[in-house]
C-alpha cells in the first residue's frame, strides 16, 4: 500500500535514467579505489505481486508474460549492469530463489516487512539503493529509492526513477521525521491516517518542522509512556493550532473545521509510530550490531543480512576491500 499521495509529492525531486548507466557511474567509477560494485536491494515480494497482477490480467496459462517469465526478463535487464550486485529481499518463504541464484544474485528473507528491511540495509550502507514501488521506504529511513519506469524500460534496458532523501530534503524540506509525520497523516500499512488531510496540507505541515518535533519526542520519551503521551498531545494541539491559524503561512488557508476534527482524531498512532521509527529487521533482531564505527562492524552486517561468517570473510576483505575505521 505505502503512503497514499506521497509519490505525487516527491515527483519533482526524482530523475529518470538507465539503471546500467547509474550503477556504472555510482559503482564502477565512483568506487574506483574500493569494490567498484553497486549494491541494489530489491523489494522482491512487491515485485512479484506486480508480476502476478499482470499475469491475472492476461488470464492465459502459457502467456508470454507469466510471473516467472517476467521475473526472468527482469533479471536479464539487471544483468545489463555488470557492476551491480543485487539482493532480492522477500518477506516470506517459498518464493522464487533458484532463478535469482542462477544469475549470481542473492536472496534474503526479511524478519519483518521487506521494504523496512531494505531501508535499514540502505541506511547502514549494506546496499546503495532500494528498488521498490512502496513509498514506505522513505519513513523507514531509506536514503536512495528507485522505481521502475515500465513505459521507458525495454527488454534490454531497465529504466528507473531515482529519488535521493538528501535532494528531497533540500528541495521540499522533508526530513525523515517529515516522512514519518506524512505517513501518520496520510495513512500507511498499519494506520489509515487522518481523514480530511491531503498531500498538500501534509507538505505544508511537514515544512513547519512538526515531523522533526515528532521524531525528537519519540526518541526522547519512547520508554516513558506518560511523558510520551503528554508530549504527543501537545504536538497534536500545536498542529491543530497551525491548521486553524496558518501561523507559518505554509497552508493555502486557515481551516477551523479541520483543526477541530484533527483534535478529535487519534493522533499520533503510537503503534504506527513505533513500526515506522523502529521496524523489525535483521538488524534489530541482532541489536548488538550498531551503525558501523569499528573495522569489524561491516563484516558483522554481512553476517546479519547475508549469512556470511565473519571468521571466513574477515581476513580477506580487510586486506583487499580496504574496509577501515570511519569517523
Protein backbone atom coordinates (compact mmCIF):
# COMPACT_ATOMS: atom_id res chain seq x y z
CA UNK A 1 0.00 0.00 0.00
CA UNK A 2 2.63 2.57 1.04
CA UNK A 3 1.73 6.17 1.89
CA UNK A 4 -1.15 7.44 -0.30
CA UNK A 5 -0.22 10.55 -2.28
CA UNK A 6 3.44 10.57 -1.25
CA UNK A 7 4.83 9.70 -4.68
CA UNK A 8 2.97 12.64 -6.21
CA UNK A 9 4.56 15.00 -3.67
CA UNK A 10 8.04 13.70 -4.50
CA UNK A 11 7.64 13.63 -8.28
CA UNK A 12 9.57 16.87 -8.88
CA UNK A 13 12.63 15.61 -6.97
CA UNK A 14 13.18 12.38 -8.94
CA UNK A 15 15.12 11.92 -12.17
CA UNK A 16 14.88 9.20 -14.82
CA UNK A 17 17.90 7.26 -16.06
CA UNK A 18 19.11 3.98 -17.45
CA UNK A 19 19.88 1.78 -14.45
CA UNK A 20 23.02 0.29 -16.01
CA UNK A 21 24.44 3.80 -16.51
CA UNK A 22 23.60 4.85 -12.96
CA UNK A 23 25.14 1.70 -11.49
CA UNK A 24 28.28 2.18 -13.57
CA UNK A 25 28.67 5.83 -12.53
CA UNK A 26 27.94 5.26 -8.83
CA UNK A 27 29.63 1.88 -8.58
CA UNK A 28 32.43 1.16 -11.00
CA UNK A 29 33.53 4.79 -11.45
CA UNK A 30 32.88 6.37 -8.02
CA UNK A 31 34.20 3.35 -6.12
CA UNK A 32 37.39 3.14 -8.16
CA UNK A 33 39.51 2.73 -5.02
CA UNK A 34 37.37 0.05 -3.38
CA UNK A 35 34.93 -2.63 -4.56
CA UNK A 36 33.66 -0.92 -7.77
CA UNK A 37 30.33 -2.66 -7.14
CA UNK A 38 26.91 -1.01 -6.89
CA UNK A 39 24.73 -2.92 -4.41
CA UNK A 40 21.00 -2.85 -5.15
CA UNK A 41 18.35 -4.14 -2.75
CA UNK A 42 15.11 -5.22 -4.41
CA UNK A 43 11.69 -5.42 -2.76
CA UNK A 44 11.11 -8.78 -4.42
CA UNK A 45 7.78 -9.63 -2.80
CA UNK A 46 6.22 -6.43 -4.11
CA UNK A 47 7.87 -7.01 -7.47
CA UNK A 48 6.31 -10.47 -7.75
CA UNK A 49 2.92 -9.09 -6.70
CA UNK A 50 3.08 -6.75 -9.69
CA UNK A 51 4.03 -9.62 -11.99
CA UNK A 52 1.13 -11.73 -10.67
CA UNK A 53 -1.31 -8.87 -11.21
CA UNK A 54 -0.20 -8.61 -14.85
CA UNK A 55 -0.39 -12.40 -15.12
CA UNK A 56 -4.01 -12.47 -13.91
CA UNK A 57 -4.94 -9.66 -16.26
CA UNK A 58 -3.87 -11.78 -19.22
CA UNK A 59 -5.57 -14.89 -17.85
CA UNK A 60 -3.74 -17.40 -20.02
CA UNK A 61 -1.72 -20.29 -18.64
CA UNK A 62 1.05 -20.13 -21.24
CA UNK A 63 1.04 -16.41 -21.96
CA UNK A 64 4.37 -14.75 -22.71
CA UNK A 65 4.26 -12.61 -19.58
CA UNK A 66 3.61 -15.14 -16.81
CA UNK A 67 5.10 -14.36 -13.40
CA UNK A 68 8.29 -16.39 -13.84
CA UNK A 69 8.74 -15.16 -17.41
CA UNK A 70 8.52 -11.57 -16.22
CA UNK A 71 10.98 -12.33 -13.42
CA UNK A 72 13.39 -13.84 -15.96
CA UNK A 73 13.09 -10.77 -18.19
CA UNK A 74 13.71 -8.51 -15.19
CA UNK A 75 16.83 -10.49 -14.27
CA UNK A 76 18.03 -10.17 -17.86
CA UNK A 77 17.59 -6.40 -17.61
CA UNK A 78 19.62 -6.31 -14.37
CA UNK A 79 22.36 -8.38 -15.98
CA UNK A 80 22.99 -5.49 -18.39
CA UNK A 81 24.61 -3.70 -15.43
CA UNK A 82 27.69 -5.89 -14.81
CA UNK A 83 28.98 -3.66 -12.00
CA UNK A 84 25.85 -4.38 -9.94
CA UNK A 85 25.17 -6.98 -7.27
CA UNK A 86 21.52 -7.45 -6.35
CA UNK A 87 19.93 -8.70 -3.15
CA UNK A 88 16.33 -9.86 -3.58
CA UNK A 89 14.53 -9.38 -0.26
CA UNK A 90 11.40 -11.46 0.35
CA UNK A 91 9.09 -11.16 3.35
CA UNK A 92 8.32 -14.89 3.42
CA UNK A 93 9.47 -18.33 2.34
CA UNK A 94 8.53 -20.32 -0.77
CA UNK A 95 9.43 -17.52 -3.18
CA UNK A 96 11.45 -17.94 -6.41
CA UNK A 97 15.10 -18.16 -5.41
CA UNK A 98 16.79 -20.66 -7.76
CA UNK A 99 16.24 -18.47 -10.82
CA UNK A 100 17.66 -15.47 -8.95
CA UNK A 101 20.69 -17.50 -7.82
CA UNK A 102 21.36 -18.65 -11.40
CA UNK A 103 22.04 -15.01 -12.30
CA UNK A 104 24.52 -14.74 -9.43
CA UNK A 105 22.26 -12.67 -7.17
CA UNK A 106 21.38 -13.30 -3.55
CA UNK A 107 18.04 -13.94 -1.82
CA UNK A 108 17.44 -12.63 1.70
CA UNK A 109 14.36 -13.38 3.84
CA UNK A 110 13.29 -10.35 5.88
CA UNK A 111 12.48 -10.67 9.57
CA UNK A 112 9.55 -8.28 9.09
CA UNK A 113 8.41 -6.23 6.09
CA UNK A 114 10.65 -6.33 3.04
CA UNK A 115 10.68 -2.55 2.49
CA UNK A 116 11.57 -1.97 6.14
CA UNK A 117 14.45 -4.45 5.92
CA UNK A 118 15.74 -2.81 2.74
CA UNK A 119 15.52 0.67 4.24
CA UNK A 120 17.57 -0.40 7.25
CA UNK A 121 20.13 -2.02 4.94
CA UNK A 122 20.34 1.18 2.88
CA UNK A 123 20.68 3.33 5.99
CA UNK A 124 23.54 1.17 7.27
CA UNK A 125 25.36 1.17 3.94
CA UNK A 126 24.87 -2.54 3.20
CA UNK A 127 23.18 -1.57 -0.08
CA UNK A 128 23.43 1.61 -2.15
CA UNK A 129 19.80 1.86 -3.20
CA UNK A 130 16.35 0.31 -2.72
CA UNK A 131 14.25 -0.70 -5.73
CA UNK A 132 10.58 -0.68 -4.75
CA UNK A 133 7.24 0.86 -5.64
CA UNK A 134 6.29 1.19 -1.96
CA UNK A 135 6.72 4.74 -0.63
CA UNK A 136 7.01 3.36 2.93
CA UNK A 137 10.74 3.11 2.26
CA UNK A 138 11.12 6.85 2.97
CA UNK A 139 9.67 6.96 6.52
CA UNK A 140 11.61 3.75 7.24
CA UNK A 141 14.78 5.76 6.55
CA UNK A 142 15.95 4.80 3.04
CA UNK A 143 18.50 7.20 1.53
CA UNK A 144 18.16 6.28 -2.16
CA UNK A 145 14.96 4.80 -3.61
CA UNK A 146 14.35 3.68 -7.19
CA UNK A 147 11.14 2.92 -9.06
CA UNK A 148 10.95 1.05 -12.35
CA UNK A 149 9.65 3.15 -15.23
CA UNK A 150 7.72 0.46 -17.17
CA UNK A 151 6.90 2.75 -20.09
CA UNK A 152 10.50 3.72 -20.88
CA UNK A 153 12.05 0.34 -20.00
CA UNK A 154 12.76 -2.12 -22.81
CA UNK A 155 13.66 -5.80 -22.94
CA UNK A 156 17.35 -4.84 -22.88
CA UNK A 157 17.34 -1.73 -20.69
CA UNK A 158 15.90 -1.16 -17.24
CA UNK A 159 14.89 2.48 -16.79
CA UNK A 160 14.34 3.76 -13.26
CA UNK A 161 13.26 6.94 -11.50
CA UNK A 162 15.75 7.79 -8.74
CA UNK A 163 14.93 9.64 -5.52
CA UNK A 164 17.59 10.75 -3.03
CA UNK A 165 16.49 11.61 0.52
CA UNK A 166 19.08 14.41 0.62
CA UNK A 167 17.67 16.02 -2.54
CA UNK A 168 14.12 15.71 -1.22
CA UNK A 169 15.10 17.48 1.99
CA UNK A 170 16.92 20.24 0.10
CA UNK A 171 14.07 20.92 -2.35
CA UNK A 172 10.94 20.12 -0.33
CA UNK A 173 12.13 20.30 3.27
CA UNK A 174 11.07 16.74 4.08
CA UNK A 175 13.38 15.03 6.59
CA UNK A 176 12.90 11.50 7.89
CA UNK A 177 10.78 12.96 10.68
CA UNK A 178 8.73 14.68 8.00
CA UNK A 179 8.24 11.38 6.20
CA UNK A 180 7.09 9.73 9.43
CA UNK A 181 4.61 12.56 10.02
CA UNK A 182 3.37 12.27 6.43
CA UNK A 183 2.83 8.52 6.86
CA UNK A 184 0.86 9.08 10.08
CA UNK A 185 -1.32 11.78 8.50
CA UNK A 186 -1.88 10.28 5.03
CA UNK A 187 -2.04 6.64 6.14
CA UNK A 188 0.25 3.63 5.92
CA UNK A 189 0.14 -0.16 6.07
CA UNK A 190 -0.71 -0.04 9.80
CA UNK A 191 -2.91 3.02 10.25
CA UNK A 192 -5.41 4.71 7.91
CA UNK A 193 -4.23 8.22 8.77
CA UNK A 194 -6.31 11.34 9.44
CA UNK A 195 -9.47 11.88 7.39
CA UNK A 196 -9.64 15.22 5.57
CA UNK A 197 -5.89 15.91 5.40
CA UNK A 198 -4.45 15.65 1.90
CA UNK A 199 -0.92 15.65 0.47
CA UNK A 200 -0.65 19.45 0.03
CA UNK A 201 -1.70 20.10 3.63
CA UNK A 202 0.71 17.43 4.82
CA UNK A 203 3.60 19.00 2.91
CA UNK A 204 2.85 22.37 4.50
CA UNK A 205 2.78 20.86 8.00
CA UNK A 206 6.00 18.95 7.34
CA UNK A 207 7.68 22.18 6.24
CA UNK A 208 6.68 23.66 9.60
CA UNK A 209 9.06 21.06 11.14
CA UNK A 210 6.36 19.19 13.06
CA UNK A 211 7.84 15.93 11.82
CA UNK A 212 11.21 16.71 13.39
CA UNK A 213 9.43 17.52 16.65
CA UNK A 214 7.56 14.21 16.48
CA UNK A 215 10.77 12.25 15.97
CA UNK A 216 12.51 14.13 18.78
CA UNK A 217 9.61 13.45 21.16
CA UNK A 218 9.56 9.76 20.30
CA UNK A 219 13.33 9.38 20.65
CA UNK A 220 13.32 11.15 23.99
CA UNK A 221 10.27 9.56 25.62
CA UNK A 222 9.77 6.20 23.87
CA UNK A 223 10.44 4.35 27.15
CA UNK A 224 8.40 6.79 29.28
CA UNK A 225 4.69 6.31 28.42
CA UNK A 226 3.30 9.20 30.47
CA UNK A 227 5.75 11.79 29.15
CA UNK A 228 5.31 10.44 25.61
CA UNK A 229 1.54 10.77 25.83
CA UNK A 230 1.75 14.33 27.18
CA UNK A 231 4.25 15.42 24.53
CA UNK A 232 2.20 13.88 21.72
CA UNK A 233 -0.90 15.64 23.00
CA UNK A 234 0.95 18.95 22.94
CA UNK A 235 2.17 18.23 19.40
CA UNK A 236 -1.38 17.45 18.30
CA UNK A 237 -2.51 20.78 19.79
CA UNK A 238 0.30 22.66 18.01
CA UNK A 239 -0.57 21.09 14.64
CA UNK A 240 -4.28 21.85 15.11
CA UNK A 241 -3.40 25.44 16.00
CA UNK A 242 -1.33 25.74 12.81
CA UNK A 243 -4.22 24.37 10.72
CA UNK A 244 -6.53 26.91 12.35
CA UNK A 245 -4.23 29.96 12.31
CA UNK A 246 -1.74 29.27 9.47
CA UNK A 247 0.93 30.93 11.59
CA UNK A 248 3.83 29.90 9.32
CA UNK A 249 1.96 30.86 6.11
CA UNK A 250 2.61 27.46 4.54
CA UNK A 251 -1.03 26.39 4.23
CA UNK A 252 -3.28 27.72 1.48
CA UNK A 253 -5.85 28.85 4.04
CA UNK A 254 -6.95 28.63 7.67
CA UNK A 255 -9.34 25.78 8.38
CA UNK A 256 -11.17 25.86 11.71
CA UNK A 257 -13.33 22.82 10.88
CA UNK A 258 -10.33 20.64 10.01
CA UNK A 259 -8.49 21.83 13.12
CA UNK A 260 -11.36 20.70 15.33
CA UNK A 261 -11.59 17.34 13.54
CA UNK A 262 -7.84 16.87 13.95
CA UNK A 263 -8.06 17.48 17.71
CA UNK A 264 -10.79 14.81 17.93
CA UNK A 265 -8.72 12.28 15.99
CA UNK A 266 -6.42 9.63 17.45
CA UNK A 267 -3.04 11.22 16.71
CA UNK A 268 -0.37 10.13 16.58
CA UNK A 269 -0.94 6.39 16.35
CA UNK A 270 1.78 5.11 18.68
CA UNK A 271 1.68 1.63 17.13
CA UNK A 272 2.31 3.09 13.69
CA UNK A 273 4.97 5.43 15.10
CA UNK A 274 6.85 2.53 16.65
CA UNK A 275 6.66 0.48 13.46
CA UNK A 276 7.90 3.36 11.30
CA UNK A 277 10.63 4.52 13.67
CA UNK A 278 11.94 1.09 14.64
CA UNK A 279 10.84 -1.52 12.07
CA UNK A 280 11.62 -5.18 12.70
CA UNK A 281 14.63 -6.19 10.63
CA UNK A 282 17.62 -8.48 10.79
CA UNK A 283 19.48 -5.54 12.30
CA UNK A 284 17.04 -5.08 15.17
CA UNK A 285 16.94 -8.82 15.75
CA UNK A 286 20.71 -8.61 16.24
CA UNK A 287 20.73 -5.33 18.16
CA UNK A 288 24.31 -5.74 19.27
CA UNK A 289 25.34 -4.68 15.76
CA UNK A 290 25.00 -0.90 15.78
CA UNK A 291 25.80 1.54 12.98
CA UNK A 292 29.37 0.74 11.91
CA UNK A 293 32.13 2.63 13.72
CA UNK A 294 34.68 -0.17 14.16
CA UNK A 295 36.56 -2.01 11.45
CA UNK A 296 34.73 -5.29 12.13
CA UNK A 297 31.21 -3.78 12.09
CA UNK A 298 30.67 -4.02 8.28
CA UNK A 299 31.68 -7.67 8.47
CA UNK A 300 29.08 -8.27 11.17
CA UNK A 301 26.47 -6.63 8.95
CA UNK A 302 27.36 -9.11 6.22
CA UNK A 303 26.80 -11.92 8.68
CA UNK A 304 23.44 -10.49 9.81
CA UNK A 305 21.98 -9.71 6.38
CA UNK A 306 23.67 -12.28 4.14
CA UNK A 307 24.63 -15.16 6.40
CA UNK A 308 28.32 -14.85 5.52
CA UNK A 309 30.51 -15.87 8.51
CA UNK A 310 32.81 -13.13 9.75
CA UNK A 311 35.66 -15.52 10.54
CA UNK A 312 35.73 -16.63 6.89
CA UNK A 313 35.42 -13.23 5.19
CA UNK A 314 37.23 -11.07 7.73
CA UNK A 315 40.90 -11.51 6.76
CA UNK A 316 40.13 -11.35 3.03
CA UNK A 317 38.07 -8.16 2.95
CA UNK A 318 40.29 -6.34 5.45
CA UNK A 319 43.31 -6.85 3.23
CA UNK A 320 41.68 -6.47 -0.20
CA UNK A 321 38.48 -4.41 0.11
CA UNK A 322 40.05 -1.51 2.04
CA UNK A 323 37.41 -1.51 4.82
CA UNK A 324 38.62 0.73 7.61
CA UNK A 325 37.57 2.92 10.52
CA UNK A 326 35.21 5.76 9.62
CA UNK A 327 34.96 8.98 11.63
